[in-house]
Amino acid sequence: MIDPGAEIAADARVHPTAMVGAGARVGAGCILHAYAIVGPHTTLGPRCVVHPFAVVGGPAQDRRTDPDAPFRLECGEDNVFREGVTVSRGTAHGGGLTRLGDGNLLMAQAHVGHDCRVGDGVTLANGVSLAGHVEVDDQVTFGGHAAVHQFARVGRLAFVAANAMVSRDVPPFCLAAGDRARLLGLNVTGLRRAGIDAAGRAALKAAYRALLLQPGRAEAAARLAAADDPNVAALAAFVAASPRGVTRAGRG
């Protein structure tokens, strides 16, 4: 069940029914539960946990890609893949690499598509689906069964509500909900948990209004990109650089 070309750390715990593919690397302290699958050309950093029936590093679900092509999945440390999770490797037309950072929690039946980039501390609740080429920054939370369109981006500390269908970019620090998703303001709870104080939240609120609720977005983005507050500058830069366009803000 373990390919001879796989590398398994000496202290990793691998159940007899788990499978590890050719060229895979399983880091120190990893746990592969019963019927867990780590695909070929996949790297798991230290202390990752793969639960039953998860497939981490399966071939891309893409008609143009040979399922045996040696494209890669790289995962950092302390990631948890719960039951039935699927994470696809990269493709030639997407750079050949899917990458997850550190400390991510992928709950049961979540899916990360080919060529995605997922940062650190991200939570995907049950049934969340990221299409191919999606980029997710650090500390983003997705509610159950949310889905993100291919090539969309989700900024740091955003919250995507349960059942949201995201077709455009979700800026950092924002809350998105609905089908199609709309912005409902700032992710205030997430900002507080991240230690952003009242003054920082007020600055972000003013920037949100200027960038997303009022006319003159380009002018506001250019002005706020040079703000002293780094979070305000990051929000403005994200909005200005959005190739797909930013999720529209709801009103009322």
C-alpha atoms as a PDB file:
ATOM      1  CA  MET A   1       0.000   0.000   0.000  1.00  0.00           C
ATOM      2  CA  ILE A   2       3.083   2.259   0.193  1.00  0.00           C
ATOM      3  CA  ASP A   3       4.961   2.805  -3.059  1.00  0.00           C
ATOM      4  CA  PRO A   4       8.682   1.981  -2.807  1.00  0.00           C
ATOM      5  CA  GLY A   5       9.447   5.467  -4.091  1.00  0.00           C
ATOM      6  CA  ALA A   6       7.612   7.190  -1.231  1.00  0.00           C
ATOM      7  CA  GLU A   7       9.466   8.747   1.707  1.00  0.00           C
ATOM      8  CA  ILE A   8       7.885   8.248   5.148  1.00  0.00           C
ATOM      9  CA  ALA A   9       9.308   9.891   8.271  1.00  0.00           C
ATOM     10  CA  ALA A  10      10.410   7.402  10.906  1.00  0.00           C
ATOM     11  CA  ASP A  11       7.910   8.644  13.502  1.00  0.00           C
ATOM     12  CA  ALA A  12       4.922   8.967  11.140  1.00  0.00           C
ATOM     13  CA  ARG A  13       1.957   6.739  12.006  1.00  0.00           C
ATOM     14  CA  VAL A  14       0.525   4.998   8.955  1.00  0.00           C
ATOM     15  CA  HIS A  15      -2.455   2.653   9.256  1.00  0.00           C
ATOM     16  CA  PRO A  16      -2.026  -0.642   7.373  1.00  0.00           C
ATOM     17  CA  THR A  17      -4.906   0.243   5.041  1.00  0.00           C
ATOM     18  CA  ALA A  18      -3.594   3.711   4.146  1.00  0.00           C
ATOM     19  CA  MET A  19      -2.039   4.283   0.713  1.00  0.00           C
ATOM     20  CA  VAL A  20       0.943   6.462  -0.221  1.00  0.00           C
ATOM     21  CA  GLY A  21       1.853   7.051  -3.857  1.00  0.00           C
ATOM     22  CA  ALA A  22       5.115   7.223  -5.752  1.00  0.00           C
ATOM     23  CA  GLY A  23       7.284  10.222  -5.010  1.00  0.00           C
ATOM     24  CA  ALA A  24       5.168  11.241  -2.019  1.00  0.00           C
ATOM     25  CA  ARG A  25       6.813  12.533   1.142  1.00  0.00           C
ATOM     26  CA  VAL A  26       5.145  12.207   4.546  1.00  0.00           C
ATOM     27  CA  GLY A  27       6.738  14.399   7.209  1.00  0.00           C
ATOM     28  CA  ALA A  28       7.615  13.863  10.837  1.00  0.00           C
ATOM     29  CA  GLY A  29       4.728  13.219  13.188  1.00  0.00           C
ATOM     30  CA  CYS A  30       2.133  12.801  10.437  1.00  0.00           C
ATOM     31  CA  ILE A  31      -0.819  10.466  11.018  1.00  0.00           C
ATOM     32  CA  LEU A  32      -2.539   8.610   8.184  1.00  0.00           C
ATOM     33  CA  HIS A  33      -5.721   6.978   9.451  1.00  0.00           C
ATOM     34  CA  ALA A  34      -7.457   3.936   8.005  1.00  0.00           C
ATOM     35  CA  TYR A  35      -8.124   4.174   4.262  1.00  0.00           C
ATOM     36  CA  ALA A  36      -6.414   7.554   3.976  1.00  0.00           C
ATOM     37  CA  ILE A  37      -4.786   8.178   0.594  1.00  0.00           C
ATOM     38  CA  VAL A  38      -1.764  10.379  -0.068  1.00  0.00           C
ATOM     39  CA  GLY A  39      -1.325  10.582  -3.814  1.00  0.00           C
ATOM     40  CA  PRO A  40       1.881  10.534  -5.840  1.00  0.00           C
ATOM     41  CA  HIS A  41       4.101  13.619  -6.019  1.00  0.00           C
ATOM     42  CA  THR A  42       2.534  14.942  -2.806  1.00  0.00           C
ATOM     43  CA  THR A  43       4.365  16.435   0.167  1.00  0.00           C
ATOM     44  CA  LEU A  44       2.913  16.562   3.670  1.00  0.00           C
ATOM     45  CA  GLY A  45       4.802  18.730   6.138  1.00  0.00           C
ATOM     46  CA  PRO A  46       5.241  17.765   9.795  1.00  0.00           C
ATOM     47  CA  ARG A  47       2.260  16.776  11.922  1.00  0.00           C
ATOM     48  CA  CYS A  48      -0.364  16.650   9.196  1.00  0.00           C
ATOM     49  CA  VAL A  49      -3.330  14.358   9.875  1.00  0.00           C
ATOM     50  CA  VAL A  50      -5.266  12.596   7.103  1.00  0.00           C
ATOM     51  CA  HIS A  51      -8.542  11.005   8.214  1.00  0.00           C
ATOM     52  CA  PRO A  52     -10.352   8.033   6.663  1.00  0.00           C
ATOM     53  CA  PHE A  53     -11.314   8.207   2.991  1.00  0.00           C
ATOM     54  CA  ALA A  54      -9.581  11.529   2.383  1.00  0.00           C
ATOM     55  CA  VAL A  55      -7.628  11.727  -0.894  1.00  0.00           C
ATOM     56  CA  VAL A  56      -4.811  14.229  -0.548  1.00  0.00           C
ATOM     57  CA  GLY A  57      -2.938  14.612  -3.811  1.00  0.00           C
ATOM     58  CA  GLY A  58      -5.263  12.974  -6.291  1.00  0.00           C
ATOM     59  CA  PRO A  59      -4.952  13.839  -9.988  1.00  0.00           C
ATOM     60  CA  ALA A  60      -6.525  17.078 -11.170  1.00  0.00           C
ATOM     61  CA  GLN A  61     -10.178  16.866 -12.153  1.00  0.00           C
ATOM     62  CA  ASP A  62      -9.340  18.374 -15.509  1.00  0.00           C
ATOM     63  CA  ARG A  63      -9.942  16.981 -19.008  1.00  0.00           C
ATOM     64  CA  ARG A  64      -6.678  18.388 -20.365  1.00  0.00           C
ATOM     65  CA  THR A  65      -4.440  16.756 -17.771  1.00  0.00           C
ATOM     66  CA  ASP A  66      -3.100  13.201 -17.865  1.00  0.00           C
ATOM     67  CA  PRO A  67      -3.966  11.691 -14.457  1.00  0.00           C
ATOM     68  CA  ASP A  68      -0.490  10.143 -14.292  1.00  0.00           C
ATOM     69  CA  ALA A  69       1.361  13.398 -15.025  1.00  0.00           C
ATOM     70  CA  PRO A  70       3.896  14.242 -12.291  1.00  0.00           C
ATOM     71  CA  PHE A  71       2.309  17.501 -11.164  1.00  0.00           C
ATOM     72  CA  ARG A  72       2.527  18.280  -7.471  1.00  0.00           C
ATOM     73  CA  LEU A  73       0.704  19.068  -4.257  1.00  0.00           C
ATOM     74  CA  GLU A  74       2.694  20.664  -1.439  1.00  0.00           C
ATOM     75  CA  CYS A  75       1.232  20.992   2.048  1.00  0.00           C
ATOM     76  CA  GLY A  76       2.876  22.732   4.985  1.00  0.00           C
ATOM     77  CA  GLU A  77       2.752  21.638   8.607  1.00  0.00           C
ATOM     78  CA  ASP A  78      -0.134  20.985  11.013  1.00  0.00           C
ATOM     79  CA  ASN A  79      -2.835  20.593   8.377  1.00  0.00           C
ATOM     80  CA  VAL A  80      -5.881  18.438   9.151  1.00  0.00           C
ATOM     81  CA  PHE A  81      -7.805  16.684   6.373  1.00  0.00           C
ATOM     82  CA  ARG A  82     -11.037  15.245   7.708  1.00  0.00           C
ATOM     83  CA  GLU A  83     -13.135  12.422   6.311  1.00  0.00           C
ATOM     84  CA  GLY A  84     -13.741  12.464   2.570  1.00  0.00           C
ATOM     85  CA  VAL A  85     -11.664  15.546   1.814  1.00  0.00           C
ATOM     86  CA  THR A  86     -10.176  15.756  -1.695  1.00  0.00           C
ATOM     87  CA  VAL A  87      -7.210  17.931  -2.693  1.00  0.00           C
ATOM     88  CA  SER A  88      -6.054  17.826  -6.311  1.00  0.00           C
ATOM     89  CA  ARG A  89      -2.541  18.187  -7.672  1.00  0.00           C
ATOM     90  CA  GLY A  90      -1.608  20.877 -10.199  1.00  0.00           C
ATOM     91  CA  THR A  91      -1.833  21.022 -13.985  1.00  0.00           C
ATOM     92  CA  ALA A  92       0.505  22.148 -16.765  1.00  0.00           C
ATOM     93  CA  HIS A  93      -1.695  25.120 -17.634  1.00  0.00           C
ATOM     94  CA  GLY A  94      -1.871  26.194 -13.979  1.00  0.00           C
ATOM     95  CA  GLY A  95       1.792  26.030 -13.054  1.00  0.00           C
ATOM     96  CA  GLY A  96       1.870  22.366 -12.058  1.00  0.00           C
ATOM     97  CA  LEU A  97       1.443  22.957  -8.324  1.00  0.00           C
ATOM     98  CA  THR A  98      -1.327  23.086  -5.755  1.00  0.00           C
ATOM     99  CA  ARG A  99      -0.133  24.506  -2.446  1.00  0.00           C
ATOM    100  CA  LEU A 100      -1.479  24.648   1.108  1.00  0.00           C
ATOM    101  CA  GLY A 101       0.295  26.532   3.872  1.00  0.00           C
ATOM    102  CA  ASP A 102       0.315  25.712   7.584  1.00  0.00           C
ATOM    103  CA  GLY A 103      -2.351  25.060  10.170  1.00  0.00           C
ATOM    104  CA  ASN A 104      -5.339  24.631   7.872  1.00  0.00           C
ATOM    105  CA  LEU A 105      -8.470  22.678   8.801  1.00  0.00           C
ATOM    106  CA  LEU A 106     -10.392  21.031   5.974  1.00  0.00           C
ATOM    107  CA  MET A 107     -13.586  19.540   7.378  1.00  0.00           C
ATOM    108  CA  ALA A 108     -15.425  16.529   6.004  1.00  0.00           C
ATOM    109  CA  GLN A 109     -16.091  16.404   2.255  1.00  0.00           C
ATOM    110  CA  ALA A 110     -14.322  19.694   1.485  1.00  0.00           C
ATOM    111  CA  HIS A 111     -12.592  19.979  -1.894  1.00  0.00           C
ATOM    112  CA  VAL A 112      -9.566  21.991  -3.031  1.00  0.00           C
ATOM    113  CA  GLY A 113      -9.171  22.021  -6.807  1.00  0.00           C
ATOM    114  CA  HIS A 114      -6.063  21.910  -8.954  1.00  0.00           C
ATOM    115  CA  ASP A 115      -3.547  24.763  -8.878  1.00  0.00           C
ATOM    116  CA  CYS A 116      -5.132  26.414  -5.839  1.00  0.00           C
ATOM    117  CA  ARG A 117      -3.064  28.465  -3.403  1.00  0.00           C
ATOM    118  CA  VAL A 118      -4.270  28.322   0.200  1.00  0.00           C
ATOM    119  CA  GLY A 119      -2.483  30.268   2.927  1.00  0.00           C
ATOM    120  CA  ASP A 120      -2.146  29.626   6.655  1.00  0.00           C
ATOM    121  CA  GLY A 121      -4.838  29.157   9.281  1.00  0.00           C
ATOM    122  CA  VAL A 122      -7.679  28.694   6.785  1.00  0.00           C
ATOM    123  CA  THR A 123     -10.851  26.827   7.770  1.00  0.00           C
ATOM    124  CA  LEU A 124     -13.006  25.057   5.193  1.00  0.00           C
ATOM    125  CA  ALA A 125     -16.180  23.785   6.848  1.00  0.00           C
ATOM    126  CA  ASN A 126     -18.034  20.688   5.659  1.00  0.00           C
ATOM    127  CA  GLY A 127     -18.651  20.472   1.931  1.00  0.00           C
ATOM    128  CA  VAL A 128     -16.799  23.637   0.912  1.00  0.00           C
ATOM    129  CA  SER A 129     -15.593  23.543  -2.693  1.00  0.00           C
ATOM    130  CA  LEU A 130     -12.743  25.583  -4.165  1.00  0.00           C
ATOM    131  CA  ALA A 131     -12.572  25.336  -7.959  1.00  0.00           C
ATOM    132  CA  GLY A 132      -9.269  25.279  -9.822  1.00  0.00           C
ATOM    133  CA  HIS A 133      -6.810  28.188  -9.589  1.00  0.00           C
ATOM    134  CA  VAL A 134      -8.489  29.763  -6.537  1.00  0.00           C
ATOM    135  CA  GLU A 135      -6.281  31.826  -4.212  1.00  0.00           C
ATOM    136  CA  VAL A 136      -7.111  32.029  -0.508  1.00  0.00           C
ATOM    137  CA  ASP A 137      -5.073  34.214   1.836  1.00  0.00           C
ATOM    138  CA  ASP A 138      -4.361  33.589   5.527  1.00  0.00           C
ATOM    139  CA  GLN A 139      -7.005  33.159   8.241  1.00  0.00           C
ATOM    140  CA  VAL A 140     -10.008  32.927   5.941  1.00  0.00           C
ATOM    141  CA  THR A 141     -13.064  31.008   7.182  1.00  0.00           C
ATOM    142  CA  PHE A 142     -15.637  29.323   4.931  1.00  0.00           C
ATOM    143  CA  GLY A 143     -19.029  28.213   6.204  1.00  0.00           C
ATOM    144  CA  GLY A 144     -20.459  24.867   5.189  1.00  0.00           C
ATOM    145  CA  HIS A 145     -21.104  24.161   1.490  1.00  0.00           C
ATOM    146  CA  ALA A 146     -19.764  27.495   0.261  1.00  0.00           C
ATOM    147  CA  ALA A 147     -18.214  27.388  -3.207  1.00  0.00           C
ATOM    148  CA  VAL A 148     -15.696  29.586  -5.026  1.00  0.00           C
ATOM    149  CA  HIS A 149     -15.478  30.051  -8.813  1.00  0.00           C
ATOM    150  CA  GLN A 150     -12.227  29.229 -10.592  1.00  0.00           C
ATOM    151  CA  PHE A 151      -9.565  31.951 -10.584  1.00  0.00           C
ATOM    152  CA  ALA A 152     -11.325  33.914  -7.829  1.00  0.00           C
ATOM    153  CA  ARG A 153      -9.370  35.266  -4.852  1.00  0.00           C
ATOM    154  CA  VAL A 154     -10.382  35.524  -1.201  1.00  0.00           C
ATOM    155  CA  GLY A 155      -8.413  37.991   0.918  1.00  0.00           C
ATOM    156  CA  ARG A 156      -6.987  37.644   4.413  1.00  0.00           C
ATOM    157  CA  LEU A 157      -9.377  37.380   7.360  1.00  0.00           C
ATOM    158  CA  ALA A 158     -12.428  37.271   5.120  1.00  0.00           C
ATOM    159  CA  PHE A 159     -15.464  35.233   6.136  1.00  0.00           C
ATOM    160  CA  VAL A 160     -17.498  33.427   3.464  1.00  0.00           C
ATOM    161  CA  ALA A 161     -20.841  32.379   4.902  1.00  0.00           C
ATOM    162  CA  ALA A 162     -22.444  28.963   4.592  1.00  0.00           C
ATOM    163  CA  ASN A 163     -23.936  28.175   1.165  1.00  0.00           C
ATOM    164  CA  ALA A 164     -22.383  31.287  -0.405  1.00  0.00           C
ATOM    165  CA  MET A 165     -21.646  31.046  -4.127  1.00  0.00           C
ATOM    166  CA  VAL A 166     -18.609  33.245  -4.776  1.00  0.00           C
ATOM    167  CA  SER A 167     -18.037  34.247  -8.407  1.00  0.00           C
ATOM    168  CA  ARG A 168     -15.859  37.350  -7.880  1.00  0.00           C
ATOM    169  CA  ASP A 169     -13.015  38.279  -5.569  1.00  0.00           C
ATOM    170  CA  VAL A 170     -13.789  38.699  -1.858  1.00  0.00           C
ATOM    171  CA  PRO A 171     -11.607  41.468  -0.388  1.00  0.00           C
ATOM    172  CA  PRO A 172      -9.692  40.960   2.849  1.00  0.00           C
ATOM    173  CA  PHE A 173     -11.468  41.584   6.176  1.00  0.00           C
ATOM    174  CA  CYS A 174     -14.921  41.348   4.556  1.00  0.00           C
ATOM    175  CA  LEU A 175     -18.004  39.177   5.076  1.00  0.00           C
ATOM    176  CA  ALA A 176     -19.605  37.615   1.982  1.00  0.00           C
ATOM    177  CA  ALA A 177     -22.897  35.721   1.827  1.00  0.00           C
ATOM    178  CA  GLY A 178     -25.591  34.639  -0.614  1.00  0.00           C
ATOM    179  CA  ASP A 179     -25.998  33.306  -4.150  1.00  0.00           C
ATOM    180  CA  ARG A 180     -24.419  35.108  -5.907  1.00  0.00           C
ATOM    181  CA  ALA A 181     -22.396  36.316  -2.985  1.00  0.00           C
ATOM    182  CA  ARG A 182     -22.596  39.937  -1.858  1.00  0.00           C
ATOM    183  CA  LEU A 183     -20.466  41.750   0.706  1.00  0.00           C
ATOM    184  CA  LEU A 184     -22.317  42.455   3.943  1.00  0.00           C
ATOM    185  CA  GLY A 185     -19.664  44.560   5.637  1.00  0.00           C
ATOM    186  CA  LEU A 186     -16.556  43.706   7.613  1.00  0.00           C
ATOM    187  CA  ASN A 187     -15.794  40.418   9.341  1.00  0.00           C
ATOM    188  CA  VAL A 188     -15.902  42.167  12.715  1.00  0.00           C
ATOM    189  CA  THR A 189     -15.682  39.006  14.793  1.00  0.00           C
ATOM    190  CA  GLY A 190     -12.650  37.819  12.852  1.00  0.00           C
ATOM    191  CA  LEU A 191     -10.981  41.217  13.185  1.00  0.00           C
ATOM    192  CA  ARG A 192     -11.454  41.181  16.951  1.00  0.00           C
ATOM    193  CA  ARG A 193     -10.100  37.661  17.246  1.00  0.00           C
ATOM    194  CA  ALA A 194      -7.075  38.690  15.206  1.00  0.00           C
ATOM    195  CA  GLY A 195      -6.329  41.474  17.679  1.00  0.00           C
ATOM    196  CA  ILE A 196      -7.257  44.425  15.464  1.00  0.00           C
ATOM    197  CA  ASP A 197      -8.323  47.156  17.886  1.00  0.00           C
ATOM    198  CA  ALA A 198     -11.270  49.543  17.688  1.00  0.00           C
ATOM    199  CA  ALA A 199      -9.263  52.223  15.905  1.00  0.00           C
ATOM    200  CA  GLY A 200      -8.063  49.732  13.309  1.00  0.00           C
ATOM    201  CA  ARG A 201     -11.602  48.460  12.767  1.00  0.00           C
ATOM    202  CA  ALA A 202     -12.892  52.010  12.380  1.00  0.00           C
ATOM    203  CA  ALA A 203     -10.215  52.756   9.782  1.00  0.00           C
ATOM    204  CA  LEU A 204     -11.168  49.628   7.848  1.00  0.00           C
ATOM    205  CA  LYS A 205     -14.849  50.544   8.041  1.00  0.00           C
ATOM    206  CA  ALA A 206     -14.154  53.961   6.539  1.00  0.00           C
ATOM    207  CA  ALA A 207     -12.033  52.361   3.822  1.00  0.00           C
ATOM    208  CA  TYR A 208     -14.783  49.812   3.096  1.00  0.00           C
ATOM    209  CA  ARG A 209     -17.254  52.643   2.537  1.00  0.00           C
ATOM    210  CA  ALA A 210     -14.904  54.581   0.269  1.00  0.00           C
ATOM    211  CA  LEU A 211     -13.844  51.550  -1.783  1.00  0.00           C
ATOM    212  CA  LEU A 212     -17.041  49.518  -2.004  1.00  0.00           C
ATOM    213  CA  LEU A 213     -20.083  51.699  -1.256  1.00  0.00           C
ATOM    214  CA  GLN A 214     -19.289  55.032  -2.880  1.00  0.00           C
ATOM    215  CA  PRO A 215     -18.444  56.115  -6.443  1.00  0.00           C
ATOM    216  CA  GLY A 216     -14.850  56.821  -7.381  1.00  0.00           C
ATOM    217  CA  ARG A 217     -13.400  53.437  -6.444  1.00  0.00           C
ATOM    218  CA  ALA A 218     -10.220  53.866  -8.485  1.00  0.00           C
ATOM    219  CA  GLU A 219      -9.438  57.227  -6.919  1.00  0.00           C
ATOM    220  CA  ALA A 220     -10.129  55.898  -3.426  1.00  0.00           C
ATOM    221  CA  ALA A 221      -7.941  52.844  -4.020  1.00  0.00           C
ATOM    222  CA  ALA A 222      -5.043  54.999  -5.209  1.00  0.00           C
ATOM    223  CA  ARG A 223      -5.370  57.278  -2.187  1.00  0.00           C
ATOM    224  CA  LEU A 224      -5.774  54.518   0.407  1.00  0.00           C
ATOM    225  CA  ALA A 225      -2.977  52.345  -0.989  1.00  0.00           C
ATOM    226  CA  ALA A 226      -0.580  54.792   0.685  1.00  0.00           C
ATOM    227  CA  ALA A 227      -2.427  54.776   4.042  1.00  0.00           C
ATOM    228  CA  ASP A 228      -0.412  54.500   7.240  1.00  0.00           C
ATOM    229  CA  ASP A 229      -2.625  51.649   8.432  1.00  0.00           C
ATOM    230  CA  PRO A 230      -1.220  48.504   6.738  1.00  0.00           C
ATOM    231  CA  ASN A 231      -4.596  46.759   6.762  1.00  0.00           C
ATOM    232  CA  VAL A 232      -6.277  49.677   5.001  1.00  0.00           C
ATOM    233  CA  ALA A 233      -3.457  49.735   2.448  1.00  0.00           C
ATOM    234  CA  ALA A 234      -3.834  45.983   1.914  1.00  0.00           C
ATOM    235  CA  LEU A 235      -7.587  46.309   1.367  1.00  0.00           C
ATOM    236  CA  ALA A 236      -7.073  49.085  -1.168  1.00  0.00           C
ATOM    237  CA  ALA A 237      -4.335  47.195  -3.010  1.00  0.00           C
ATOM    238  CA  PHE A 238      -6.491  44.063  -3.242  1.00  0.00           C
ATOM    239  CA  VAL A 239      -9.433  45.993  -4.702  1.00  0.00           C
ATOM    240  CA  ALA A 240      -7.229  47.841  -7.186  1.00  0.00           C
ATOM    241  CA  ALA A 241      -5.532  44.651  -8.401  1.00  0.00           C
ATOM    242  CA  SER A 242      -8.631  42.465  -8.785  1.00  0.00           C
ATOM    243  CA  PRO A 243      -8.599  40.888 -12.280  1.00  0.00           C
ATOM    244  CA  ARG A 244     -12.073  39.336 -11.951  1.00  0.00           C
ATOM    245  CA  GLY A 245     -13.678  42.289 -10.217  1.00  0.00           C
ATOM    246  CA  VAL A 246     -14.675  42.513  -6.586  1.00  0.00           C
ATOM    247  CA  THR A 247     -17.834  41.020  -5.094  1.00  0.00           C
ATOM    248  CA  ARG A 248     -20.519  43.693  -4.987  1.00  0.00           C
ATOM    249  CA  ALA A 249     -21.503  45.181  -1.662  1.00  0.00           C
ATOM    250  CA  GLY A 250     -25.075  44.748  -0.519  1.00  0.00           C
ATOM    251  CA  ARG A 251     -27.088  47.633   0.901  1.00  0.00           C
ATOM    252  CA  GLY A 252     -29.664  47.890   3.629  1.00  0.00           C
END
